[in-house]
Amino acid sequence: MTPMCENILDDPAASFWLKNALRSALDRDPVDALNDAEVLVVALKERLYFVVNEEAAE
């Protein structure tokens, strides 16, 4: 395991969700896990922009 992964898993301030996602990703093919993570980032950014714009319109 890489030092950054270890630091995240050992960090009490890291969210439960992040730690679970990282543990799950570490059990997968690293290329597949990274590709899925990049798609997730795009989807979450889209959701953020939607929520921010929706609130600004109110």
N, C-alpha and C. Protein backbone atom coordinates (compact mmCIF):
# COMPACT_ATOMS: atom_id res chain seq x y z
N MET A 1 0.86 -1.18 0.00
CA MET A 1 0.00 0.00 0.00
C MET A 1 0.90 1.23 0.00
N THR A 2 0.46 2.25 -0.70
CA THR A 2 1.25 3.47 -0.80
C THR A 2 1.14 4.29 0.49
N PRO A 3 2.14 5.15 0.73
CA PRO A 3 2.08 5.99 1.94
C PRO A 3 0.83 6.88 1.98
N MET A 4 0.41 7.41 0.84
CA MET A 4 -0.77 8.28 0.85
C MET A 4 -2.01 7.50 1.22
N CYS A 5 -2.16 6.29 0.70
CA CYS A 5 -3.30 5.45 1.06
C CYS A 5 -3.29 5.14 2.55
N GLU A 6 -2.13 4.79 3.06
CA GLU A 6 -2.01 4.51 4.50
C GLU A 6 -2.38 5.73 5.32
N ASN A 7 -1.91 6.91 4.89
CA ASN A 7 -2.21 8.15 5.63
C ASN A 7 -3.71 8.41 5.66
N ILE A 8 -4.38 8.22 4.55
CA ILE A 8 -5.83 8.44 4.50
C ILE A 8 -6.54 7.46 5.43
N LEU A 9 -6.18 6.19 5.35
CA LEU A 9 -6.85 5.18 6.18
C LEU A 9 -6.57 5.37 7.67
N ASP A 10 -5.42 5.95 8.01
CA ASP A 10 -5.07 6.18 9.42
C ASP A 10 -5.55 7.53 9.95
N ASP A 11 -6.03 8.38 9.07
CA ASP A 11 -6.41 9.75 9.46
C ASP A 11 -7.80 9.76 10.10
N PRO A 12 -7.89 10.13 11.37
CA PRO A 12 -9.20 10.15 12.02
C PRO A 12 -10.12 11.22 11.43
N ALA A 13 -9.57 12.20 10.74
CA ALA A 13 -10.39 13.25 10.15
C ALA A 13 -10.93 12.86 8.77
N ALA A 14 -10.37 11.81 8.17
CA ALA A 14 -10.86 11.36 6.87
C ALA A 14 -12.24 10.73 7.04
N SER A 15 -13.12 11.01 6.12
CA SER A 15 -14.49 10.53 6.25
C SER A 15 -14.59 9.01 6.11
N PHE A 16 -15.61 8.48 6.74
CA PHE A 16 -15.91 7.05 6.65
C PHE A 16 -16.12 6.66 5.20
N TRP A 17 -16.85 7.50 4.45
CA TRP A 17 -17.12 7.23 3.04
C TRP A 17 -15.83 7.14 2.24
N LEU A 18 -14.91 8.09 2.45
CA LEU A 18 -13.65 8.08 1.72
C LEU A 18 -12.83 6.84 2.04
N LYS A 19 -12.76 6.50 3.30
CA LYS A 19 -12.00 5.30 3.69
C LYS A 19 -12.60 4.04 3.08
N ASN A 20 -13.92 3.94 3.08
CA ASN A 20 -14.57 2.76 2.48
C ASN A 20 -14.32 2.71 0.98
N ALA A 21 -14.41 3.86 0.31
CA ALA A 21 -14.18 3.91 -1.13
C ALA A 21 -12.74 3.52 -1.44
N LEU A 22 -11.79 3.99 -0.64
CA LEU A 22 -10.39 3.66 -0.86
C LEU A 22 -10.14 2.17 -0.63
N ARG A 23 -10.67 1.63 0.45
CA ARG A 23 -10.50 0.19 0.70
C ARG A 23 -11.07 -0.64 -0.46
N SER A 24 -12.22 -0.24 -0.93
CA SER A 24 -12.84 -0.94 -2.05
C SER A 24 -11.98 -0.83 -3.31
N ALA A 25 -11.46 0.34 -3.57
CA ALA A 25 -10.63 0.56 -4.76
C ALA A 25 -9.33 -0.23 -4.69
N LEU A 26 -8.79 -0.39 -3.50
CA LEU A 26 -7.52 -1.12 -3.35
C LEU A 26 -7.67 -2.60 -3.67
N ASP A 27 -8.88 -3.10 -3.61
CA ASP A 27 -9.14 -4.51 -3.94
C ASP A 27 -9.37 -4.73 -5.44
N ARG A 28 -9.36 -3.66 -6.21
CA ARG A 28 -9.68 -3.75 -7.64
C ARG A 28 -8.43 -3.55 -8.49
N ASP A 29 -8.59 -3.82 -9.77
CA ASP A 29 -7.54 -3.48 -10.73
C ASP A 29 -7.33 -1.97 -10.67
N PRO A 30 -6.10 -1.50 -10.51
CA PRO A 30 -5.88 -0.06 -10.33
C PRO A 30 -6.32 0.79 -11.52
N VAL A 31 -6.22 0.27 -12.72
CA VAL A 31 -6.66 1.04 -13.90
C VAL A 31 -8.18 1.19 -13.88
N ASP A 32 -8.88 0.10 -13.60
CA ASP A 32 -10.35 0.16 -13.53
C ASP A 32 -10.80 1.08 -12.40
N ALA A 33 -10.15 0.98 -11.26
CA ALA A 33 -10.53 1.81 -10.11
C ALA A 33 -10.32 3.29 -10.42
N LEU A 34 -9.21 3.63 -11.05
CA LEU A 34 -8.94 5.02 -11.39
C LEU A 34 -9.94 5.53 -12.42
N ASN A 35 -10.23 4.73 -13.44
CA ASN A 35 -11.21 5.15 -14.45
C ASN A 35 -12.56 5.43 -13.81
N ASP A 36 -12.99 4.54 -12.92
CA ASP A 36 -14.27 4.75 -12.24
C ASP A 36 -14.22 5.98 -11.34
N ALA A 37 -13.11 6.21 -10.67
CA ALA A 37 -12.98 7.38 -9.80
C ALA A 37 -13.05 8.67 -10.62
N GLU A 38 -12.46 8.67 -11.79
CA GLU A 38 -12.52 9.86 -12.64
C GLU A 38 -13.93 10.13 -13.14
N VAL A 39 -14.68 9.08 -13.45
CA VAL A 39 -16.07 9.26 -13.84
C VAL A 39 -16.88 9.79 -12.66
N LEU A 40 -16.60 9.28 -11.47
CA LEU A 40 -17.29 9.74 -10.27
C LEU A 40 -17.02 11.22 -10.01
N VAL A 41 -15.79 11.66 -10.20
CA VAL A 41 -15.45 13.08 -10.02
C VAL A 41 -16.28 13.95 -10.95
N VAL A 42 -16.38 13.55 -12.21
CA VAL A 42 -17.17 14.32 -13.18
C VAL A 42 -18.64 14.37 -12.74
N ALA A 43 -19.19 13.24 -12.33
CA ALA A 43 -20.59 13.19 -11.92
C ALA A 43 -20.82 14.06 -10.68
N LEU A 44 -19.90 14.02 -9.71
CA LEU A 44 -20.07 14.82 -8.50
C LEU A 44 -19.91 16.31 -8.77
N LYS A 45 -19.02 16.67 -9.68
CA LYS A 45 -18.89 18.09 -10.06
C LYS A 45 -20.18 18.57 -10.73
N GLU A 46 -20.73 17.74 -11.61
CA GLU A 46 -21.98 18.11 -12.27
C GLU A 46 -23.08 18.31 -11.25
N ARG A 47 -23.14 17.42 -10.27
CA ARG A 47 -24.16 17.55 -9.22
C ARG A 47 -23.95 18.83 -8.42
N LEU A 48 -22.70 19.14 -8.08
CA LEU A 48 -22.40 20.35 -7.34
C LEU A 48 -22.86 21.58 -8.11
N TYR A 49 -22.50 21.67 -9.39
CA TYR A 49 -22.90 22.82 -10.20
C TYR A 49 -24.41 22.93 -10.29
N PHE A 50 -25.09 21.79 -10.41
CA PHE A 50 -26.55 21.79 -10.46
C PHE A 50 -27.14 22.33 -9.17
N VAL A 51 -26.65 21.85 -8.03
CA VAL A 51 -27.17 22.27 -6.73
C VAL A 51 -26.90 23.76 -6.51
N VAL A 52 -25.69 24.21 -6.82
CA VAL A 52 -25.34 25.61 -6.62
C VAL A 52 -26.22 26.51 -7.51
N ASN A 53 -26.37 26.13 -8.77
CA ASN A 53 -27.18 26.94 -9.68
C ASN A 53 -28.65 26.92 -9.30
N GLU A 54 -29.12 25.78 -8.82
CA GLU A 54 -30.52 25.67 -8.40
C GLU A 54 -30.78 26.58 -7.20
N GLU A 55 -29.84 26.61 -6.24
CA GLU A 55 -29.99 27.46 -5.06
C GLU A 55 -29.88 28.93 -5.43
N ALA A 56 -29.03 29.25 -6.39
CA ALA A 56 -28.87 30.64 -6.82
C ALA A 56 -30.13 31.15 -7.52
N ALA A 57 -30.87 30.25 -8.15
CA ALA A 57 -32.08 30.63 -8.87
C ALA A 57 -33.26 30.86 -7.92
N GLU A 58 -33.15 30.39 -6.72
CA GLU A 58 -34.27 30.54 -5.75
C GLU A 58 -34.34 31.92 -5.18
